[in-house]
């Protein structure tokens, strides 16, 4: 199992820690942001392929912002698709 840690930009969350193996997210922990919503997103991501998560969450906006925590998660996960 490997761990990807990255700092999202333009959102309330400060850090995302993703454990992954063979292209699948094993666990996700988000520091900062809307705690309840991000816990829900984390649970929904566990056990899912990285590619699927990126496809589903890319481009989501938060209010007036051009990005969101889910969009930032997708951006971070794109590092694993290279």
PDB file of N, CA and C in Angstrom:
ATOM      1  N   UNK A   1       0.851  -1.173   0.000  1.00  0.00           N
ATOM      2  CA  UNK A   1       0.000   0.000   0.000  1.00  0.00           C
ATOM      3  C   UNK A   1       0.897   1.237   0.000  1.00  0.00           C
ATOM      4  N   UNK A   2       0.472   2.258  -0.745  1.00  0.00           N
ATOM      5  CA  UNK A   2       1.195   3.523  -0.820  1.00  0.00           C
ATOM      6  C   UNK A   2       0.308   4.654  -0.316  1.00  0.00           C
ATOM      7  N   UNK A   3       0.944   5.768   0.040  1.00  0.00           N
ATOM      8  CA  UNK A   3       0.209   6.930   0.526  1.00  0.00           C
ATOM      9  C   UNK A   3       0.532   8.141  -0.326  1.00  0.00           C
ATOM     10  N   UNK A   4      -0.511   8.846  -0.731  1.00  0.00           N
ATOM     11  CA  UNK A   4      -0.380  10.111  -1.441  1.00  0.00           C
ATOM     12  C   UNK A   4      -0.899  11.192  -0.510  1.00  0.00           C
ATOM     13  N   UNK A   5      -0.085  12.206  -0.264  1.00  0.00           N
ATOM     14  CA  UNK A   5      -0.486  13.344   0.562  1.00  0.00           C
ATOM     15  C   UNK A   5      -0.345  14.600  -0.284  1.00  0.00           C
ATOM     16  N   UNK A   6      -1.391  15.409  -0.328  1.00  0.00           N
ATOM     17  CA  UNK A   6      -1.284  16.656  -1.074  1.00  0.00           C
ATOM     18  C   UNK A   6      -2.114  17.750  -0.421  1.00  0.00           C
ATOM     19  N   UNK A   7      -1.776  18.978  -0.782  1.00  0.00           N
ATOM     20  CA  UNK A   7      -2.435  20.157  -0.230  1.00  0.00           C
ATOM     21  C   UNK A   7      -3.346  20.757  -1.302  1.00  0.00           C
ATOM     22  N   UNK A   8      -4.656  20.714  -1.086  1.00  0.00           N
ATOM     23  CA  UNK A   8      -5.595  21.294  -2.044  1.00  0.00           C
ATOM     24  C   UNK A   8      -5.444  22.812  -2.125  1.00  0.00           C
ATOM     25  N   UNK A   9      -5.840  23.376  -3.238  1.00  0.00           N
ATOM     26  CA  UNK A   9      -5.733  24.819  -3.471  1.00  0.00           C
ATOM     27  C   UNK A   9      -7.121  25.421  -3.659  1.00  0.00           C
ATOM     28  N   UNK A  10      -7.377  26.572  -3.037  1.00  0.00           N
ATOM     29  CA  UNK A  10      -8.605  27.323  -3.264  1.00  0.00           C
ATOM     30  C   UNK A  10      -9.836  26.791  -2.546  1.00  0.00           C
ATOM     31  N   UNK A  11      -9.634  25.924  -1.541  1.00  0.00           N
ATOM     32  CA  UNK A  11     -10.755  25.352  -0.787  1.00  0.00           C
ATOM     33  C   UNK A  11     -10.455  25.413   0.708  1.00  0.00           C
ATOM     34  N   UNK A  12     -11.428  25.029   1.515  1.00  0.00           N
ATOM     35  CA  UNK A  12     -11.279  25.089   2.972  1.00  0.00           C
ATOM     36  C   UNK A  12     -10.391  23.969   3.523  1.00  0.00           C
ATOM     37  N   UNK A  13     -10.400  22.813   2.895  1.00  0.00           N
ATOM     38  CA  UNK A  13      -9.574  21.717   3.402  1.00  0.00           C
ATOM     39  C   UNK A  13      -8.096  22.056   3.195  1.00  0.00           C
ATOM     40  N   UNK A  14      -7.250  21.562   4.108  1.00  0.00           N
ATOM     41  CA  UNK A  14      -5.835  21.909   4.084  1.00  0.00           C
ATOM     42  C   UNK A  14      -4.941  20.773   3.607  1.00  0.00           C
ATOM     43  N   UNK A  15      -5.398  19.540   3.770  1.00  0.00           N
ATOM     44  CA  UNK A  15      -4.551  18.408   3.384  1.00  0.00           C
ATOM     45  C   UNK A  15      -5.425  17.183   3.132  1.00  0.00           C
ATOM     46  N   UNK A  16      -5.022  16.377   2.152  1.00  0.00           N
ATOM     47  CA  UNK A  16      -5.713  15.128   1.847  1.00  0.00           C
ATOM     48  C   UNK A  16      -4.680  14.007   1.852  1.00  0.00           C
ATOM     49  N   UNK A  17      -5.000  12.947   2.587  1.00  0.00           N
ATOM     50  CA  UNK A  17      -4.097  11.806   2.732  1.00  0.00           C
ATOM     51  C   UNK A  17      -4.833  10.585   2.191  1.00  0.00           C
ATOM     52  N   UNK A  18      -4.292  10.012   1.122  1.00  0.00           N
ATOM     53  CA  UNK A  18      -4.957   8.912   0.439  1.00  0.00           C
ATOM     54  C   UNK A  18      -4.061   7.683   0.449  1.00  0.00           C
ATOM     55  N   UNK A  19      -4.571   6.605   1.012  1.00  0.00           N
ATOM     56  CA  UNK A  19      -3.881   5.320   0.924  1.00  0.00           C
ATOM     57  C   UNK A  19      -4.489   4.591  -0.268  1.00  0.00           C
ATOM     58  N   UNK A  20      -3.619   4.051  -1.127  1.00  0.00           N
ATOM     59  CA  UNK A  20      -4.095   3.400  -2.335  1.00  0.00           C
ATOM     60  C   UNK A  20      -3.233   2.179  -2.654  1.00  0.00           C
ATOM     61  N   UNK A  21      -3.826   1.286  -3.427  1.00  0.00           N
ATOM     62  CA  UNK A  21      -3.122   0.073  -3.823  1.00  0.00           C
ATOM     63  C   UNK A  21      -3.733  -0.434  -5.127  1.00  0.00           C
ATOM     64  N   UNK A  22      -2.886  -0.735  -6.097  1.00  0.00           N
ATOM     65  CA  UNK A  22      -3.340  -1.273  -7.376  1.00  0.00           C
ATOM     66  C   UNK A  22      -4.440  -0.436  -8.020  1.00  0.00           C
ATOM     67  N   UNK A  23      -4.314   0.889  -7.944  1.00  0.00           N
ATOM     68  CA  UNK A  23      -5.268   1.770  -8.594  1.00  0.00           C
ATOM     69  C   UNK A  23      -6.591   1.931  -7.874  1.00  0.00           C
ATOM     70  N   UNK A  24      -6.640   1.503  -6.615  1.00  0.00           N
ATOM     71  CA  UNK A  24      -7.876   1.585  -5.826  1.00  0.00           C
ATOM     72  C   UNK A  24      -7.606   2.374  -4.549  1.00  0.00           C
ATOM     73  N   UNK A  25      -8.527   3.265  -4.190  1.00  0.00           N
ATOM     74  CA  UNK A  25      -8.400   4.021  -2.939  1.00  0.00           C
ATOM     75  C   UNK A  25      -8.790   3.102  -1.784  1.00  0.00           C
ATOM     76  N   UNK A  26      -7.891   2.956  -0.837  1.00  0.00           N
ATOM     77  CA  UNK A  26      -8.148   2.134   0.351  1.00  0.00           C
ATOM     78  C   UNK A  26      -8.743   2.999   1.460  1.00  0.00           C
ATOM     79  N   UNK A  27      -8.158   4.188   1.665  1.00  0.00           N
ATOM     80  CA  UNK A  27      -8.705   5.107   2.663  1.00  0.00           C
ATOM     81  C   UNK A  27      -8.379   6.537   2.278  1.00  0.00           C
ATOM     82  N   UNK A  28      -9.193   7.457   2.767  1.00  0.00           N
ATOM     83  CA  UNK A  28      -9.025   8.886   2.507  1.00  0.00           C
ATOM     84  C   UNK A  28      -9.280   9.633   3.802  1.00  0.00           C
ATOM     85  N   UNK A  29      -8.352  10.527   4.148  1.00  0.00           N
ATOM     86  CA  UNK A  29      -8.524  11.389   5.314  1.00  0.00           C
ATOM     87  C   UNK A  29      -8.306  12.824   4.854  1.00  0.00           C
ATOM     88  N   UNK A  30      -9.238  13.703   5.220  1.00  0.00           N
ATOM     89  CA  UNK A  30      -9.147  15.111   4.836  1.00  0.00           C
ATOM     90  C   UNK A  30      -9.036  15.952   6.101  1.00  0.00           C
ATOM     91  N   UNK A  31      -8.029  16.829   6.116  1.00  0.00           N
ATOM     92  CA  UNK A  31      -7.820  17.738   7.239  1.00  0.00           C
ATOM     93  C   UNK A  31      -8.440  19.087   6.865  1.00  0.00           C
ATOM     94  N   UNK A  32      -9.337  19.596   7.713  1.00  0.00           N
ATOM     95  CA  UNK A  32     -10.010  20.855   7.451  1.00  0.00           C
ATOM     96  C   UNK A  32     -11.226  20.644   6.566  1.00  0.00           C
ATOM     97  N   UNK A  33     -11.882  21.715   6.219  1.00  0.00           N
ATOM     98  CA  UNK A  33     -13.058  21.632   5.351  1.00  0.00           C
ATOM     99  C   UNK A  33     -14.317  21.273   6.111  1.00  0.00           C
ATOM    100  N   UNK A  34     -15.363  20.965   5.390  1.00  0.00           N
ATOM    101  CA  UNK A  34     -16.662  20.596   5.961  1.00  0.00           C
ATOM    102  C   UNK A  34     -16.609  19.145   6.417  1.00  0.00           C
ATOM    103  N   UNK A  35     -16.368  18.956   7.676  1.00  0.00           N
ATOM    104  CA  UNK A  35     -16.041  17.643   8.231  1.00  0.00           C
ATOM    105  C   UNK A  35     -17.048  16.548   7.858  1.00  0.00           C
ATOM    106  N   UNK A  36     -18.307  16.779   8.065  1.00  0.00           N
ATOM    107  CA  UNK A  36     -19.314  15.750   7.783  1.00  0.00           C
ATOM    108  C   UNK A  36     -19.362  15.382   6.307  1.00  0.00           C
ATOM    109  N   UNK A  37     -19.377  16.391   5.448  1.00  0.00           N
ATOM    110  CA  UNK A  37     -19.423  16.128   4.009  1.00  0.00           C
ATOM    111  C   UNK A  37     -18.184  15.379   3.546  1.00  0.00           C
ATOM    112  N   UNK A  38     -17.030  15.782   4.047  1.00  0.00           N
ATOM    113  CA  UNK A  38     -15.789  15.142   3.603  1.00  0.00           C
ATOM    114  C   UNK A  38     -15.651  13.725   4.153  1.00  0.00           C
ATOM    115  N   UNK A  39     -16.213  13.465   5.329  1.00  0.00           N
ATOM    116  CA  UNK A  39     -16.244  12.081   5.826  1.00  0.00           C
ATOM    117  C   UNK A  39     -17.095  11.222   4.898  1.00  0.00           C
ATOM    118  N   UNK A  40     -18.211  11.775   4.454  1.00  0.00           N
ATOM    119  CA  UNK A  40     -19.079  11.050   3.531  1.00  0.00           C
ATOM    120  C   UNK A  40     -18.384  10.768   2.215  1.00  0.00           C
ATOM    121  N   UNK A  41     -17.714  11.770   1.664  1.00  0.00           N
ATOM    122  CA  UNK A  41     -16.980  11.584   0.417  1.00  0.00           C
ATOM    123  C   UNK A  41     -15.901  10.523   0.599  1.00  0.00           C
ATOM    124  N   UNK A  42     -15.201  10.576   1.735  1.00  0.00           N
ATOM    125  CA  UNK A  42     -14.148   9.598   2.008  1.00  0.00           C
ATOM    126  C   UNK A  42     -14.708   8.177   1.995  1.00  0.00           C
ATOM    127  N   UNK A  43     -15.828   7.968   2.660  1.00  0.00           N
ATOM    128  CA  UNK A  43     -16.437   6.623   2.707  1.00  0.00           C
ATOM    129  C   UNK A  43     -16.871   6.164   1.321  1.00  0.00           C
ATOM    130  N   UNK A  44     -17.396   7.093   0.519  1.00  0.00           N
ATOM    131  CA  UNK A  44     -17.832   6.733  -0.829  1.00  0.00           C
ATOM    132  C   UNK A  44     -16.648   6.400  -1.745  1.00  0.00           C
ATOM    133  N   UNK A  45     -15.487   6.975  -1.464  1.00  0.00           N
ATOM    134  CA  UNK A  45     -14.298   6.726  -2.294  1.00  0.00           C
ATOM    135  C   UNK A  45     -13.601   5.415  -1.946  1.00  0.00           C
ATOM    136  N   UNK A  46     -13.718   4.984  -0.713  1.00  0.00           N
ATOM    137  CA  UNK A  46     -13.010   3.769  -0.279  1.00  0.00           C
ATOM    138  C   UNK A  46     -13.453   2.562  -1.103  1.00  0.00           C
ATOM    139  N   UNK A  47     -12.464   1.842  -1.619  1.00  0.00           N
ATOM    140  CA  UNK A  47     -12.737   0.643  -2.402  1.00  0.00           C
ATOM    141  C   UNK A  47     -13.026   0.913  -3.871  1.00  0.00           C
ATOM    142  N   UNK A  48     -12.990   2.173  -4.275  1.00  0.00           N
ATOM    143  CA  UNK A  48     -13.285   2.529  -5.663  1.00  0.00           C
ATOM    144  C   UNK A  48     -11.989   2.786  -6.446  1.00  0.00           C
ATOM    145  N   UNK A  49     -12.021   2.505  -7.740  1.00  0.00           N
ATOM    146  CA  UNK A  49     -10.851   2.793  -8.586  1.00  0.00           C
ATOM    147  C   UNK A  49     -10.574   4.291  -8.673  1.00  0.00           C
ATOM    148  N   UNK A  50      -9.307   4.648  -8.666  1.00  0.00           N
ATOM    149  CA  UNK A  50      -8.887   6.045  -8.773  1.00  0.00           C
ATOM    150  C   UNK A  50      -9.493   6.678 -10.018  1.00  0.00           C
ATOM    151  N   UNK A  51      -9.449   5.999 -11.132  1.00  0.00           N
ATOM    152  CA  UNK A  51      -9.961   6.539 -12.395  1.00  0.00           C
ATOM    153  C   UNK A  51     -11.441   6.902 -12.279  1.00  0.00           C
ATOM    154  N   UNK A  52     -12.234   6.064 -11.651  1.00  0.00           N
ATOM    155  CA  UNK A  52     -13.666   6.331 -11.478  1.00  0.00           C
ATOM    156  C   UNK A  52     -13.894   7.571 -10.623  1.00  0.00           C
ATOM    157  N   UNK A  53     -13.137   7.704  -9.541  1.00  0.00           N
ATOM    158  CA  UNK A  53     -13.272   8.860  -8.648  1.00  0.00           C
ATOM    159  C   UNK A  53     -12.938  10.143  -9.401  1.00  0.00           C
ATOM    160  N   UNK A  54     -11.849  10.126 -10.160  1.00  0.00           N
ATOM    161  CA  UNK A  54     -11.447  11.303 -10.932  1.00  0.00           C
ATOM    162  C   UNK A  54     -12.545  11.689 -11.912  1.00  0.00           C
ATOM    163  N   UNK A  55     -13.091  10.713 -12.625  1.00  0.00           N
ATOM    164  CA  UNK A  55     -14.144  10.993 -13.606  1.00  0.00           C
ATOM    165  C   UNK A  55     -15.386  11.590 -12.952  1.00  0.00           C
ATOM    166  N   UNK A  56     -15.765  11.099 -11.786  1.00  0.00           N
ATOM    167  CA  UNK A  56     -16.995  11.549 -11.135  1.00  0.00           C
ATOM    168  C   UNK A  56     -16.857  12.907 -10.434  1.00  0.00           C
ATOM    169  N   UNK A  57     -15.681  13.206  -9.887  1.00  0.00           N
ATOM    170  CA  UNK A  57     -15.535  14.402  -9.054  1.00  0.00           C
ATOM    171  C   UNK A  57     -14.913  15.596  -9.762  1.00  0.00           C
ATOM    172  N   UNK A  58     -14.275  15.385 -10.906  1.00  0.00           N
ATOM    173  CA  UNK A  58     -13.633  16.497 -11.624  1.00  0.00           C
ATOM    174  C   UNK A  58     -14.665  17.534 -12.046  1.00  0.00           C
ATOM    175  N   UNK A  59     -14.316  18.788 -11.824  1.00  0.00           N
ATOM    176  CA  UNK A  59     -15.154  19.888 -12.297  1.00  0.00           C
ATOM    177  C   UNK A  59     -16.243  20.352 -11.352  1.00  0.00           C
ATOM    178  N   UNK A  60     -16.406  19.704 -10.209  1.00  0.00           N
ATOM    179  CA  UNK A  60     -17.420  20.147  -9.244  1.00  0.00           C
ATOM    180  C   UNK A  60     -16.974  21.475  -8.631  1.00  0.00           C
ATOM    181  N   UNK A  61     -17.893  22.421  -8.541  1.00  0.00           N
ATOM    182  CA  UNK A  61     -17.591  23.731  -7.962  1.00  0.00           C
ATOM    183  C   UNK A  61     -18.293  23.884  -6.621  1.00  0.00           C
ATOM    184  N   UNK A  62     -17.751  24.757  -5.781  1.00  0.00           N
ATOM    185  CA  UNK A  62     -18.328  25.043  -4.466  1.00  0.00           C
ATOM    186  C   UNK A  62     -18.749  26.515  -4.454  1.00  0.00           C
ATOM    187  N   UNK A  63     -20.042  26.743  -4.551  1.00  0.00           N
ATOM    188  CA  UNK A  63     -20.542  28.119  -4.536  1.00  0.00           C
ATOM    189  C   UNK A  63     -19.930  28.941  -5.651  1.00  0.00           C
ATOM    190  N   UNK A  64     -19.348  30.068  -5.296  1.00  0.00           N
ATOM    191  CA  UNK A  64     -18.748  30.979  -6.271  1.00  0.00           C
ATOM    192  C   UNK A  64     -17.338  30.576  -6.674  1.00  0.00           C
ATOM    193  N   UNK A  65     -16.757  29.602  -5.972  1.00  0.00           N
ATOM    194  CA  UNK A  65     -15.384  29.170  -6.259  1.00  0.00           C
ATOM    195  C   UNK A  65     -15.333  28.372  -7.558  1.00  0.00           C
ATOM    196  N   UNK A  66     -14.208  28.381  -8.201  1.00  0.00           N
ATOM    197  CA  UNK A  66     -14.023  27.635  -9.444  1.00  0.00           C
ATOM    198  C   UNK A  66     -13.637  26.179  -9.198  1.00  0.00           C
ATOM    199  N   UNK A  67     -13.560  25.788  -7.935  1.00  0.00           N
ATOM    200  CA  UNK A  67     -13.175  24.430  -7.559  1.00  0.00           C
ATOM    201  C   UNK A  67     -13.943  24.041  -6.308  1.00  0.00           C
ATOM    202  N   UNK A  68     -13.683  22.855  -5.793  1.00  0.00           N
ATOM    203  CA  UNK A  68     -14.309  22.366  -4.564  1.00  0.00           C
ATOM    204  C   UNK A  68     -13.387  21.319  -3.973  1.00  0.00           C
ATOM    205  N   UNK A  69     -13.696  20.859  -2.771  1.00  0.00           N
ATOM    206  CA  UNK A  69     -12.892  19.782  -2.187  1.00  0.00           C
ATOM    207  C   UNK A  69     -12.951  18.513  -3.047  1.00  0.00           C
ATOM    208  N   UNK A  70     -14.125  18.113  -3.557  1.00  0.00           N
ATOM    209  CA  UNK A  70     -14.147  16.943  -4.432  1.00  0.00           C
ATOM    210  C   UNK A  70     -13.306  17.144  -5.700  1.00  0.00           C
ATOM    211  N   UNK A  71     -13.380  18.336  -6.295  1.00  0.00           N
ATOM    212  CA  UNK A  71     -12.586  18.638  -7.489  1.00  0.00           C
ATOM    213  C   UNK A  71     -11.100  18.592  -7.167  1.00  0.00           C
ATOM    214  N   UNK A  72     -10.724  19.119  -6.008  1.00  0.00           N
ATOM    215  CA  UNK A  72      -9.323  19.088  -5.602  1.00  0.00           C
ATOM    216  C   UNK A  72      -8.861  17.657  -5.345  1.00  0.00           C
ATOM    217  N   UNK A  73      -9.723  16.839  -4.775  1.00  0.00           N
ATOM    218  CA  UNK A  73      -9.399  15.418  -4.583  1.00  0.00           C
ATOM    219  C   UNK A  73      -9.123  14.780  -5.939  1.00  0.00           C
ATOM    220  N   UNK A  74      -9.982  15.047  -6.920  1.00  0.00           N
ATOM    221  CA  UNK A  74      -9.783  14.503  -8.265  1.00  0.00           C
ATOM    222  C   UNK A  74      -8.447  14.984  -8.844  1.00  0.00           C
ATOM    223  N   UNK A  75      -8.140  16.267  -8.658  1.00  0.00           N
ATOM    224  CA  UNK A  75      -6.872  16.796  -9.151  1.00  0.00           C
ATOM    225  C   UNK A  75      -5.688  16.081  -8.514  1.00  0.00           C
ATOM    226  N   UNK A  76      -5.750  15.847  -7.228  1.00  0.00           N
ATOM    227  CA  UNK A  76      -4.668  15.140  -6.550  1.00  0.00           C
ATOM    228  C   UNK A  76      -4.534  13.711  -7.047  1.00  0.00           C
ATOM    229  N   UNK A  77      -5.673  13.046  -7.222  1.00  0.00           N
ATOM    230  CA  UNK A  77      -5.653  11.648  -7.664  1.00  0.00           C
ATOM    231  C   UNK A  77      -5.135  11.499  -9.093  1.00  0.00           C
ATOM    232  N   UNK A  78      -5.238  12.545  -9.892  1.00  0.00           N
ATOM    233  CA  UNK A  78      -4.727  12.482 -11.267  1.00  0.00           C
ATOM    234  C   UNK A  78      -3.238  12.153 -11.286  1.00  0.00           C
ATOM    235  N   UNK A  79      -2.541  12.480 -10.210  1.00  0.00           N
ATOM    236  CA  UNK A  79      -1.108  12.149 -10.108  1.00  0.00           C
ATOM    237  C   UNK A  79      -0.899  10.643 -10.198  1.00  0.00           C
ATOM    238  N   UNK A  80      -1.874   9.876  -9.751  1.00  0.00           N
ATOM    239  CA  UNK A  80      -1.732   8.418  -9.736  1.00  0.00           C
ATOM    240  C   UNK A  80      -2.055   7.786 -11.082  1.00  0.00           C
ATOM    241  N   UNK A  81      -2.649   8.558 -11.986  1.00  0.00           N
ATOM    242  CA  UNK A  81      -3.030   8.020 -13.301  1.00  0.00           C
ATOM    243  C   UNK A  81      -1.932   8.167 -14.340  1.00  0.00           C
ATOM    244  N   UNK A  82      -0.860   8.821 -13.998  1.00  0.00           N
ATOM    245  CA  UNK A  82       0.240   9.057 -14.955  1.00  0.00           C
ATOM    246  C   UNK A  82       1.107   7.845 -15.104  1.00  0.00           C
TER     247      UNK A  82
END
